Amino acid sequence: MPLTSRAPRTARTSRRLRAALVAAASAGLIGAALPSPQPLGIGDPLFPQLGNPGYDVLAYDIAFTYRGDNSKPLDAVTKIDARATDRLDRVNLDFTHGTVRSVEVDGRPAEFASSGEDLVIEPSRAVGPGERFHIAVTHTSDPAGPRNAGGWVRTADGLAMANQADAAHRVFPGNDHPADKAYFTFHVTAPKDLTVVANGQHVARSLSGDTGTWTYRGTRPMATELAQVSIGRSTVVRRTGPHGLPVRDVVPSADVERMEPWLKRTPAHLEWMERKVGPYPFETYGVLVADADTGFELETQTLSLFERSLFTRGTLPEWFVESIMVHELAHHWFGNSVSPRRWADLWLNEGHATWYEALYAEETAQQPLEQRMRQAYTDSDRWRAAGGPPAAPRPPAAGQKISLFRPVVYDGSALVLYALRQEIGKAAFERLERRWVTQYAHSTASTADFVRLASEEAGRDLTAFLKDWLYGERTPKMPGHPDWRSKAPAKGATKAPAPAAKR
């Protein structure tokens, strides 16, 4: 159900909102009233109305109440601490697919209305530049809706989240763009026979009658698209990773023994990634196995989401399953710690995760990286014609937001990294990778930042070289492989292939 302005409000709120709308339509009163509420955005080329200008979110504190039926809305309260970067007469939050019951700003009731996929809030007084302010939204969070819309994932025994690329605002109000990372705390109340797990560290659990309330808190900032809450009949399996890192896996209780041969490999995956790029950047890690058909796996921060069928279907080679596990783990350096400044920078996430997926398969299962890259080169021109070049992807198809995740952002972008390694040498490339995840840890970075750092590490300007690889309509010649050829796309070939089954 879309958010509407029919949610219960005070009479004063209703009168003032109506007055604002009438004033905006009246030439004689326009100067005395704010414009009609309208959706805003930060101008992301792929999602123009995603995110909101004028403030920086510092922290989210989100409470959900789940009553055991994953087809019905959860009651929720989202609290946001933020700092204004401009004067704010209104504050826009991204939010849809729920009902707003009340809003407070700094403890005072605030007016609100919906516009598009924004919740537009008018505080009782304007917020000045540099001021910190606190928003509390009482709302519902609805798990119903199309499976491919994102947000809540209905599992066989409860719920999980899959918010990439722009679906967190189907779950809770916020500034739903990776450029605005913040700290998260989750409080989830559910029937006491269910298990709740979320991003970050387990802080507390309390029981009251037939329910339990679980609290989780992250120690590092997180993009909204990476939020995760799992509710179900699950078992948390604990083990220790490198340097004493707590590893917690969340699996359907009936599957603990069946999953153990896969889950016990995670510490070795962590060790392998640390040898490549340095220390794991978060406080914990784990695999969340969801009994749901999502069509993808997802790198939600500290707790990667996997379909149960990936491990149980029995038709996939072991090396392939492990390489997908490494793909999602690699995202914790590339995408989670170093997040994209714009969604067009997605290639930095997926290209790197695919690179380490392929490198792991080469080093542990004799699956040649060069062979995979040669095949990617063969397909690259067709991928570019269908979805755009790696750093300038075409917008997703209307109503199909996950169509953004095309082959060009996976193997097509890993191919860029292969070309860069061919151009600057393995040693310089490996130093660059470590510098990248260290210099931009727990922040955001852009394609221009990567080009600049690569040039520094190479000791020469790589702008022209990488521009052709990242933005060219045709794939450049591969350094060291002058014989490689890319198949030309068929005339009029502009339809993207189906999205890949990982993110």
Protein backbone atom coordinates (compact mmCIF):
# COMPACT_ATOMS: atom_id res chain seq x y z
CA MET A 1 0.00 0.00 0.00
CA PRO A 2 1.56 3.33 -1.00
CA LEU A 3 2.19 5.94 1.63
CA THR A 4 -0.57 8.51 1.60
CA SER A 5 -1.42 11.62 3.56
CA ARG A 6 -4.51 9.88 4.92
CA ALA A 7 -2.54 8.59 7.93
CA PRO A 8 -3.92 9.84 11.28
CA ARG A 9 -2.70 13.36 12.09
CA THR A 10 -3.64 16.21 14.34
CA ALA A 11 -6.23 18.72 13.16
CA ARG A 12 -3.56 21.42 13.18
CA THR A 13 -1.38 19.36 10.85
CA SER A 14 -4.22 18.79 8.42
CA ARG A 15 -5.21 22.46 8.37
CA ARG A 16 -1.67 23.73 7.78
CA LEU A 17 -0.95 21.23 5.01
CA ARG A 18 -4.18 22.16 3.27
CA ALA A 19 -3.33 25.81 3.71
CA ALA A 20 0.09 25.28 2.11
CA LEU A 21 -1.43 23.53 -0.88
CA VAL A 22 -4.09 26.21 -1.35
CA ALA A 23 -1.52 28.99 -0.98
CA ALA A 24 0.74 27.43 -3.59
CA ALA A 25 -2.15 27.52 -6.04
CA SER A 26 -3.06 31.10 -5.29
CA ALA A 27 -1.00 33.83 -6.92
CA GLY A 28 -1.92 36.24 -4.16
CA LEU A 29 -0.55 33.96 -1.41
CA ILE A 30 2.47 32.30 -3.02
CA GLY A 31 4.86 34.70 -1.37
CA ALA A 32 3.48 33.82 2.08
CA ALA A 33 3.61 30.03 1.89
CA LEU A 34 6.00 27.22 1.07
CA PRO A 35 5.56 25.42 -2.26
CA SER A 36 3.56 22.23 -2.37
CA PRO A 37 5.41 19.20 -0.99
CA GLN A 38 7.40 17.55 -3.76
CA PRO A 39 9.92 14.71 -4.09
CA LEU A 40 13.55 15.72 -4.21
CA GLY A 41 16.79 13.91 -4.99
CA ILE A 42 20.53 14.44 -5.05
CA GLY A 43 20.69 14.15 -8.83
CA ASP A 44 22.07 10.64 -9.21
CA PRO A 45 21.99 10.03 -13.00
CA LEU A 46 20.56 6.53 -12.56
CA PHE A 47 18.10 7.30 -9.73
CA PRO A 48 17.41 11.05 -9.96
CA GLN A 49 14.98 11.22 -7.02
CA LEU A 50 16.96 8.98 -4.69
CA GLY A 51 18.53 10.60 -1.65
CA ASN A 52 17.75 14.08 -0.41
CA PRO A 53 19.73 17.33 -0.25
CA GLY A 54 20.34 19.61 2.70
CA TYR A 55 21.37 17.24 5.47
CA ASP A 56 23.69 14.43 6.48
CA VAL A 57 22.30 11.48 8.44
CA LEU A 58 24.55 10.58 11.36
CA ALA A 59 22.62 7.65 12.83
CA TYR A 60 19.46 5.56 12.50
CA ASP A 61 17.72 3.86 15.41
CA ILE A 62 14.98 1.61 14.04
CA ALA A 63 12.47 -0.49 15.99
CA PHE A 64 10.30 -3.16 14.34
CA THR A 65 7.52 -5.22 15.90
CA TYR A 66 6.83 -8.49 14.07
CA ARG A 67 3.83 -10.53 15.20
CA GLY A 68 4.59 -13.77 13.39
CA ASP A 69 2.76 -13.25 10.08
CA ASN A 70 5.10 -12.25 7.25
CA SER A 71 2.22 -11.13 5.04
CA LYS A 72 1.16 -8.32 7.38
CA PRO A 73 2.76 -4.93 8.06
CA LEU A 74 5.16 -4.55 10.96
CA ASP A 75 4.78 -1.64 13.36
CA ALA A 76 7.91 0.50 13.34
CA VAL A 77 9.54 3.62 14.71
CA THR A 78 12.48 5.10 12.82
CA LYS A 79 14.59 7.69 14.62
CA ILE A 80 17.11 9.72 12.65
CA ASP A 81 19.89 11.93 13.96
CA ALA A 82 21.13 14.31 11.28
CA ARG A 83 23.05 17.51 10.70
CA ALA A 84 21.73 20.17 8.34
CA THR A 85 24.08 21.32 5.59
CA ASP A 86 21.63 24.00 4.39
CA ARG A 87 18.66 25.83 5.85
CA LEU A 88 15.75 23.40 5.93
CA ASP A 89 12.18 24.65 6.02
CA ARG A 90 11.23 21.09 5.09
CA VAL A 91 13.02 17.76 5.32
CA ASN A 92 12.45 15.09 2.67
CA LEU A 93 12.96 11.43 3.51
CA ASP A 94 12.76 8.57 1.03
CA PHE A 95 9.84 6.34 2.06
CA THR A 96 7.08 4.37 0.36
CA HIS A 97 5.02 1.22 0.87
CA GLY A 98 4.05 2.00 4.46
CA THR A 99 1.68 4.18 6.45
CA VAL A 100 3.01 7.08 8.48
CA ARG A 101 1.14 7.64 11.73
CA SER A 102 3.07 10.53 13.26
CA VAL A 103 6.28 12.53 12.92
CA GLU A 104 8.24 14.49 15.48
CA VAL A 105 11.22 16.78 14.93
CA ASP A 106 13.27 17.51 18.05
CA GLY A 107 10.45 16.15 20.19
CA ARG A 108 7.74 18.36 18.70
CA PRO A 109 4.92 17.19 16.41
CA ALA A 110 5.67 17.98 12.78
CA GLU A 111 3.47 18.18 9.73
CA PHE A 112 4.00 15.62 6.98
CA ALA A 113 2.70 14.58 3.60
CA SER A 114 3.71 12.14 0.88
CA SER A 115 4.86 13.11 -2.58
CA GLY A 116 5.99 10.44 -4.99
CA GLU A 117 8.27 8.17 -2.96
CA ASP A 118 9.20 10.92 -0.48
CA LEU A 119 7.90 11.67 2.98
CA VAL A 120 7.93 15.47 3.23
CA ILE A 121 8.23 16.83 6.77
CA GLU A 122 7.67 20.41 7.87
CA PRO A 123 9.17 21.07 11.33
CA SER A 124 7.60 23.62 13.65
CA ARG A 125 10.66 25.80 12.99
CA ALA A 126 13.27 25.83 10.24
CA VAL A 127 16.56 24.01 10.84
CA GLY A 128 19.63 26.17 10.29
CA PRO A 129 22.85 25.18 8.51
CA GLY A 130 25.14 23.17 10.79
CA GLU A 131 22.38 22.38 13.31
CA ARG A 132 21.83 18.82 14.50
CA PHE A 133 18.22 17.68 14.57
CA HIS A 134 16.31 14.54 15.47
CA ILE A 135 13.39 13.03 13.54
CA ALA A 136 11.10 10.28 14.88
CA VAL A 137 8.67 8.64 12.44
CA THR A 138 6.04 6.19 13.66
CA HIS A 139 4.99 4.06 10.70
CA THR A 140 4.28 0.62 9.34
CA SER A 141 6.68 -1.48 7.26
CA ASP A 142 4.90 -3.68 4.76
CA PRO A 143 6.47 -6.94 3.48
CA ALA A 144 3.75 -7.45 0.86
CA GLY A 145 4.38 -6.57 -2.74
CA PRO A 146 6.14 -7.86 -5.87
CA ARG A 147 9.09 -10.14 -5.20
CA ASN A 148 11.42 -8.16 -7.46
CA ALA A 149 10.59 -4.78 -5.91
CA GLY A 150 13.11 -5.23 -3.11
CA GLY A 151 12.85 -4.43 0.57
CA TRP A 152 11.52 -7.20 2.79
CA VAL A 153 12.02 -10.76 1.50
CA ARG A 154 9.37 -13.18 2.70
CA THR A 155 11.05 -16.45 3.62
CA ALA A 156 9.49 -19.82 4.44
CA ASP A 157 9.64 -18.99 8.15
CA GLY A 158 9.82 -15.22 8.41
CA LEU A 159 11.58 -12.26 6.83
CA ALA A 160 14.93 -10.96 5.61
CA MET A 161 15.96 -7.81 3.74
CA ALA A 162 17.27 -7.17 0.23
CA ASN A 163 17.41 -3.39 -0.26
CA GLN A 164 19.76 -3.02 -3.23
CA ALA A 165 19.71 -0.83 -5.21
CA ASP A 166 17.07 1.59 -3.98
CA ALA A 167 14.59 -0.38 -1.88
CA ALA A 168 15.52 0.42 1.72
CA HIS A 169 12.86 3.13 1.62
CA ARG A 170 10.28 0.38 1.11
CA VAL A 171 11.21 -0.73 4.65
CA PHE A 172 12.02 2.42 6.64
CA PRO A 173 12.25 6.17 5.98
CA GLY A 174 15.72 7.58 5.42
CA ASN A 175 18.19 9.13 3.03
CA ASP A 176 18.30 6.13 0.71
CA HIS A 177 21.51 6.69 -1.21
CA PRO A 178 24.96 5.14 -0.53
CA ALA A 179 26.54 8.61 -0.55
CA ASP A 180 25.01 9.21 2.91
CA LYS A 181 26.32 6.45 5.18
CA ALA A 182 25.35 6.40 8.85
CA TYR A 183 25.48 4.29 12.00
CA PHE A 184 22.59 1.86 12.57
CA THR A 185 20.92 0.37 15.63
CA PHE A 186 18.04 -2.12 15.28
CA HIS A 187 15.54 -3.18 17.96
CA VAL A 188 13.30 -6.03 16.80
CA THR A 189 10.44 -7.47 18.84
CA ALA A 190 9.18 -10.86 17.67
CA PRO A 191 7.61 -14.04 19.07
CA LYS A 192 10.13 -15.47 21.52
CA ASP A 193 10.43 -18.79 19.66
CA LEU A 194 11.93 -16.97 16.65
CA THR A 195 15.51 -15.81 16.19
CA VAL A 196 16.37 -12.27 15.14
CA VAL A 197 19.72 -11.27 13.67
CA ALA A 198 20.75 -7.94 12.15
CA ASN A 199 23.80 -6.01 10.99
CA GLY A 200 26.52 -5.46 13.56
CA GLN A 201 26.95 -6.77 17.07
CA HIS A 202 24.32 -8.34 19.28
CA VAL A 203 23.86 -5.89 22.15
CA ALA A 204 20.92 -7.24 24.14
CA ARG A 205 17.90 -9.52 24.28
CA SER A 206 14.98 -9.19 26.67
CA LEU A 207 11.86 -11.31 27.15
CA SER A 208 8.38 -10.10 27.96
CA GLY A 209 5.58 -12.64 27.95
CA ASP A 210 5.46 -14.36 24.58
CA THR A 211 7.84 -11.96 22.85
CA GLY A 212 11.52 -11.15 22.82
CA THR A 213 13.27 -7.94 21.83
CA TRP A 214 16.68 -8.13 20.19
CA THR A 215 19.07 -5.19 19.80
CA TYR A 216 21.93 -4.99 17.28
CA ARG A 217 24.31 -2.12 16.69
CA GLY A 218 26.92 -1.54 13.99
CA THR A 219 30.27 -0.02 14.88
CA ARG A 220 30.93 1.26 11.36
CA PRO A 221 28.82 3.49 9.10
CA MET A 222 26.59 1.73 6.58
CA ALA A 223 24.68 2.58 3.42
CA THR A 224 20.92 2.06 3.66
CA GLU A 225 20.99 -0.49 0.82
CA LEU A 226 23.13 -2.79 2.99
CA ALA A 227 20.74 -2.99 5.97
CA GLN A 228 19.76 -6.49 7.08
CA VAL A 229 17.25 -7.89 9.57
CA SER A 230 16.50 -11.61 9.63
CA ILE A 231 13.52 -13.03 11.56
CA GLY A 232 12.75 -16.74 11.53
CA ARG A 233 13.18 -20.22 12.92
CA SER A 234 16.93 -20.00 12.65
CA THR A 235 20.04 -21.16 14.44
CA VAL A 236 23.08 -18.94 14.85
CA VAL A 237 26.26 -20.97 14.34
CA ARG A 238 29.35 -19.32 15.78
CA ARG A 239 33.01 -19.82 15.01
CA THR A 240 36.19 -17.74 14.98
CA GLY A 241 37.85 -16.14 11.98
CA PRO A 242 41.29 -14.56 11.53
CA HIS A 243 42.66 -12.59 14.50
CA GLY A 244 39.77 -13.74 16.67
CA LEU A 245 37.09 -12.23 14.41
CA PRO A 246 33.61 -13.38 15.52
CA VAL A 247 31.89 -15.26 12.69
CA ARG A 248 28.17 -15.95 13.06
CA ASP A 249 26.15 -17.79 10.42
CA VAL A 250 22.35 -17.78 10.42
CA VAL A 251 20.68 -20.85 8.94
CA PRO A 252 17.25 -22.51 9.07
CA SER A 253 17.37 -24.67 12.19
CA ALA A 254 16.49 -27.80 10.22
CA ASP A 255 19.51 -27.27 7.95
CA VAL A 256 22.36 -26.76 10.42
CA GLU A 257 24.12 -30.08 9.70
CA ARG A 258 23.48 -29.84 5.97
CA MET A 259 24.97 -26.34 5.78
CA GLU A 260 27.99 -26.94 8.00
CA PRO A 261 30.31 -28.25 5.21
CA TRP A 262 29.84 -24.90 3.45
CA LEU A 263 29.79 -22.58 6.42
CA LYS A 264 32.99 -23.91 7.95
CA ARG A 265 34.89 -22.63 4.90
CA THR A 266 34.27 -18.96 5.71
CA PRO A 267 37.34 -18.49 7.98
CA ALA A 268 39.56 -19.69 5.14
CA HIS A 269 37.80 -17.31 2.74
CA LEU A 270 38.47 -14.45 5.15
CA GLU A 271 42.15 -15.41 5.42
CA TRP A 272 42.46 -15.54 1.63
CA MET A 273 40.89 -12.10 1.17
CA GLU A 274 43.07 -10.60 3.91
CA ARG A 275 46.18 -11.87 2.13
CA LYS A 276 45.01 -10.05 -1.00
CA VAL A 277 43.83 -6.69 0.32
CA GLY A 278 44.40 -6.41 4.07
CA PRO A 279 42.38 -6.77 7.29
CA TYR A 280 38.65 -7.44 7.19
CA PRO A 281 37.05 -4.02 7.80
CA PHE A 282 34.13 -4.83 10.14
CA GLU A 283 33.40 -6.17 13.62
CA THR A 284 31.87 -9.49 12.57
CA TYR A 285 30.97 -11.53 9.49
CA GLY A 286 28.61 -14.33 8.62
CA VAL A 287 26.40 -16.02 6.06
CA LEU A 288 22.61 -15.65 6.24
CA VAL A 289 20.87 -18.56 4.52
CA ALA A 290 17.31 -17.61 3.57
CA ASP A 291 14.71 -20.17 2.56
CA ALA A 292 13.42 -18.00 -0.28
CA ASP A 293 13.76 -17.82 -4.05
CA THR A 294 15.34 -14.42 -4.58
CA GLY A 295 17.29 -15.07 -7.77
CA PHE A 296 20.43 -13.47 -6.27
CA GLU A 297 22.88 -13.35 -3.37
CA LEU A 298 23.55 -10.04 -1.61
CA GLU A 299 26.38 -8.49 0.42
CA THR A 300 24.36 -7.01 3.29
CA GLN A 301 26.91 -5.55 5.72
CA THR A 302 28.45 -8.10 8.13
CA LEU A 303 25.80 -10.70 7.17
CA SER A 304 25.68 -11.70 3.50
CA LEU A 305 22.35 -12.99 2.22
CA PHE A 306 22.31 -16.31 0.30
CA GLU A 307 19.50 -18.38 -1.14
CA ARG A 308 19.20 -21.77 0.53
CA SER A 309 19.09 -23.40 -2.90
CA LEU A 310 22.62 -22.25 -3.73
CA PHE A 311 23.88 -24.81 -1.21
CA THR A 312 21.21 -27.52 -1.59
CA ARG A 313 20.42 -27.84 -5.29
CA GLY A 314 23.36 -30.21 -5.79
CA THR A 315 23.95 -29.33 -9.43
CA LEU A 316 26.62 -26.63 -8.98
CA PRO A 317 30.34 -27.44 -8.74
CA GLU A 318 31.79 -26.89 -5.27
CA TRP A 319 34.37 -24.42 -6.59
CA PHE A 320 31.59 -22.32 -8.11
CA VAL A 321 29.59 -22.13 -4.87
CA GLU A 322 32.71 -21.17 -2.94
CA SER A 323 33.62 -18.50 -5.47
CA ILE A 324 30.16 -16.93 -5.03
CA MET A 325 30.69 -16.95 -1.26
CA VAL A 326 33.98 -15.12 -1.84
CA HIS A 327 32.25 -12.66 -4.19
CA GLU A 328 29.87 -11.51 -1.43
CA LEU A 329 32.67 -11.46 1.14
CA ALA A 330 34.87 -9.34 -1.16
CA HIS A 331 32.10 -6.75 -1.25
CA HIS A 332 32.80 -5.98 2.40
CA TRP A 333 35.97 -4.24 1.23
CA PHE A 334 34.61 -3.15 -2.17
CA GLY A 335 31.13 -1.67 -1.83
CA ASN A 336 30.43 -1.92 1.90
CA SER A 337 33.51 -0.27 3.41
CA VAL A 338 34.34 1.72 0.26
CA SER A 339 30.87 2.63 -1.01
CA PRO A 340 30.02 4.17 -4.40
CA ARG A 341 29.51 7.92 -4.43
CA ARG A 342 27.00 7.55 -7.28
CA TRP A 343 25.25 4.47 -8.59
CA ALA A 344 27.19 4.88 -11.85
CA ASP A 345 30.25 3.93 -9.74
CA LEU A 346 28.69 0.48 -9.25
CA TRP A 347 31.42 -1.08 -11.40
CA LEU A 348 33.86 -0.47 -8.52
CA ASN A 349 31.72 -2.75 -6.33
CA GLU A 350 30.84 -5.50 -8.75
CA GLY A 351 33.98 -5.44 -10.86
CA HIS A 352 36.16 -5.97 -7.80
CA ALA A 353 33.92 -8.62 -6.24
CA THR A 354 33.90 -10.50 -9.56
CA TRP A 355 37.67 -10.10 -9.83
CA TYR A 356 38.31 -11.77 -6.47
CA GLU A 357 35.65 -14.40 -7.20
CA ALA A 358 37.54 -15.32 -10.38
CA LEU A 359 40.97 -15.08 -8.77
CA TYR A 360 39.87 -17.38 -5.94
CA ALA A 361 38.58 -19.92 -8.47
CA GLU A 362 41.91 -19.79 -10.28
CA GLU A 363 44.05 -20.21 -7.17
CA THR A 364 41.96 -22.87 -5.43
CA ALA A 365 40.20 -24.76 -8.24
CA GLN A 366 42.41 -24.38 -11.31
CA GLN A 367 39.85 -22.25 -13.17
CA PRO A 368 42.08 -20.02 -15.33
CA LEU A 369 41.50 -16.30 -14.84
CA GLU A 370 42.92 -15.49 -18.27
CA GLN A 371 40.46 -17.86 -19.94
CA ARG A 372 37.55 -16.20 -18.16
CA MET A 373 38.81 -12.74 -19.08
CA ARG A 374 39.28 -13.72 -22.71
CA GLN A 375 35.66 -14.87 -22.84
CA ALA A 376 34.59 -11.60 -21.20
CA TYR A 377 36.57 -9.72 -23.82
CA THR A 378 34.78 -11.63 -26.56
CA ASP A 379 31.41 -10.62 -25.10
CA SER A 380 32.35 -7.11 -24.00
CA ASP A 381 31.20 -5.11 -27.03
CA ARG A 382 27.80 -6.78 -26.91
CA TRP A 383 27.51 -6.08 -23.18
CA ARG A 384 28.42 -2.42 -23.72
CA ALA A 385 25.86 -2.08 -26.49
CA ALA A 386 23.17 -3.63 -24.30
CA GLY A 387 23.87 -1.92 -20.98
CA GLY A 388 26.34 0.89 -21.56
CA PRO A 389 30.07 0.97 -20.65
CA PRO A 390 31.14 -0.06 -17.13
CA ALA A 391 31.29 3.43 -15.57
CA ALA A 392 28.34 4.90 -17.49
CA PRO A 393 25.65 2.20 -17.31
CA ARG A 394 22.24 2.79 -18.78
CA PRO A 395 19.42 3.36 -16.26
CA PRO A 396 17.50 0.25 -15.24
CA ALA A 397 14.41 -0.65 -17.22
CA ALA A 398 11.18 0.93 -15.99
CA GLY A 399 9.74 -1.14 -13.16
CA GLN A 400 12.80 -3.44 -13.15
CA LYS A 401 15.30 -1.75 -10.88
CA ILE A 402 17.52 -4.83 -10.54
CA SER A 403 18.04 -4.80 -14.31
CA LEU A 404 20.87 -2.38 -13.46
CA PHE A 405 22.88 -5.49 -12.51
CA ARG A 406 23.91 -6.53 -16.01
CA PRO A 407 26.90 -8.59 -17.19
CA VAL A 408 28.85 -5.41 -18.00
CA VAL A 409 29.02 -4.50 -14.31
CA TYR A 410 30.27 -7.98 -13.39
CA ASP A 411 32.71 -9.67 -15.79
CA GLY A 412 32.66 -6.61 -18.03
CA SER A 413 34.03 -4.53 -15.15
CA ALA A 414 36.42 -7.20 -13.89
CA LEU A 415 37.82 -7.05 -17.42
CA VAL A 416 38.75 -3.40 -16.79
CA LEU A 417 40.75 -4.49 -13.73
CA TYR A 418 42.45 -7.20 -15.76
CA ALA A 419 43.41 -4.63 -18.41
CA LEU A 420 44.75 -2.32 -15.70
CA ARG A 421 46.88 -5.12 -14.22
CA GLN A 422 48.18 -5.90 -17.70
CA GLU A 423 49.06 -2.22 -18.18
CA ILE A 424 50.78 -1.42 -14.84
CA GLY A 425 51.98 -4.85 -13.75
CA LYS A 426 50.88 -7.23 -11.01
CA ALA A 427 52.91 -5.66 -8.20
CA ALA A 428 51.62 -2.13 -8.80
CA PHE A 429 48.07 -3.43 -9.21
CA GLU A 430 48.19 -5.27 -5.88
CA ARG A 431 49.54 -2.17 -4.12
CA LEU A 432 46.74 -0.12 -5.66
CA GLU A 433 44.10 -2.52 -4.36
CA ARG A 434 45.41 -2.27 -0.80
CA ARG A 435 45.70 1.51 -0.99
CA TRP A 436 42.14 1.80 -2.32
CA VAL A 437 40.49 -0.08 0.55
CA THR A 438 42.70 1.66 3.12
CA GLN A 439 42.50 5.25 1.90
CA TYR A 440 38.71 5.20 1.42
CA ALA A 441 37.76 2.80 4.23
CA HIS A 442 34.29 3.41 5.69
CA SER A 443 33.60 6.27 3.30
CA THR A 444 32.53 6.79 -0.29
CA ALA A 445 34.64 7.04 -3.42
CA SER A 446 34.12 7.64 -7.11
CA THR A 447 35.49 6.42 -10.43
CA ALA A 448 37.56 9.62 -10.64
CA ASP A 449 39.10 8.77 -7.25
CA PHE A 450 40.09 5.33 -8.53
CA VAL A 451 41.63 6.73 -11.71
CA ARG A 452 43.60 9.26 -9.68
CA LEU A 453 44.91 6.66 -7.22
CA ALA A 454 45.80 4.23 -10.02
CA SER A 455 47.79 6.99 -11.72
CA GLU A 456 49.66 7.71 -8.49
CA GLU A 457 50.54 4.06 -8.01
CA ALA A 458 51.60 3.64 -11.64
CA GLY A 459 53.70 6.82 -11.56
CA ARG A 460 52.04 8.13 -14.74
CA ASP A 461 48.72 9.53 -15.83
CA LEU A 462 46.29 6.73 -16.65
CA THR A 463 43.32 8.99 -17.36
CA ALA A 464 43.23 8.38 -21.12
CA PHE A 465 43.86 4.65 -20.76
CA LEU A 466 41.09 4.13 -18.20
CA LYS A 467 38.69 6.55 -19.90
CA ASP A 468 38.55 4.29 -22.94
CA TRP A 469 38.04 1.20 -20.81
CA LEU A 470 35.45 2.74 -18.52
CA TYR A 471 33.48 4.98 -20.87
CA GLY A 472 34.09 3.74 -24.41
CA GLU A 473 31.28 2.32 -26.50
CA ARG A 474 33.75 -0.25 -27.87
CA THR A 475 36.23 -2.32 -25.91
CA PRO A 476 39.85 -1.12 -26.29
CA LYS A 477 42.73 -3.37 -27.28
CA MET A 478 43.85 -5.60 -24.43
CA PRO A 479 47.46 -4.92 -23.33
CA GLY A 480 49.56 -8.03 -23.88
CA HIS A 481 46.87 -9.74 -25.94
CA PRO A 482 46.72 -8.04 -29.37
CA ASP A 483 45.02 -11.14 -30.79
CA TRP A 484 41.91 -10.86 -28.58
CA ARG A 485 38.76 -9.84 -30.43
CA SER A 486 35.33 -8.75 -29.21
CA LYS A 487 32.26 -9.76 -31.17
CA ALA A 488 30.41 -6.81 -32.61
CA PRO A 489 26.84 -6.41 -31.35
CA ALA A 490 24.01 -7.19 -33.71
CA LYS A 491 22.34 -4.19 -35.31
CA GLY A 492 19.84 -2.60 -32.96
CA ALA A 493 21.05 -4.71 -30.02
CA THR A 494 20.18 -2.47 -27.10
CA LYS A 495 18.26 -4.83 -24.84
CA ALA A 496 20.27 -5.86 -21.79
CA PRO A 497 20.65 -9.53 -20.93
CA ALA A 498 18.92 -10.83 -17.83
CA PRO A 499 20.48 -9.72 -14.53
CA ALA A 500 23.17 -11.92 -13.03
CA ALA A 501 22.27 -14.10 -10.04
CA LYS A 502 24.58 -12.30 -7.62
CA ARG A 503 25.13 -8.71 -6.62
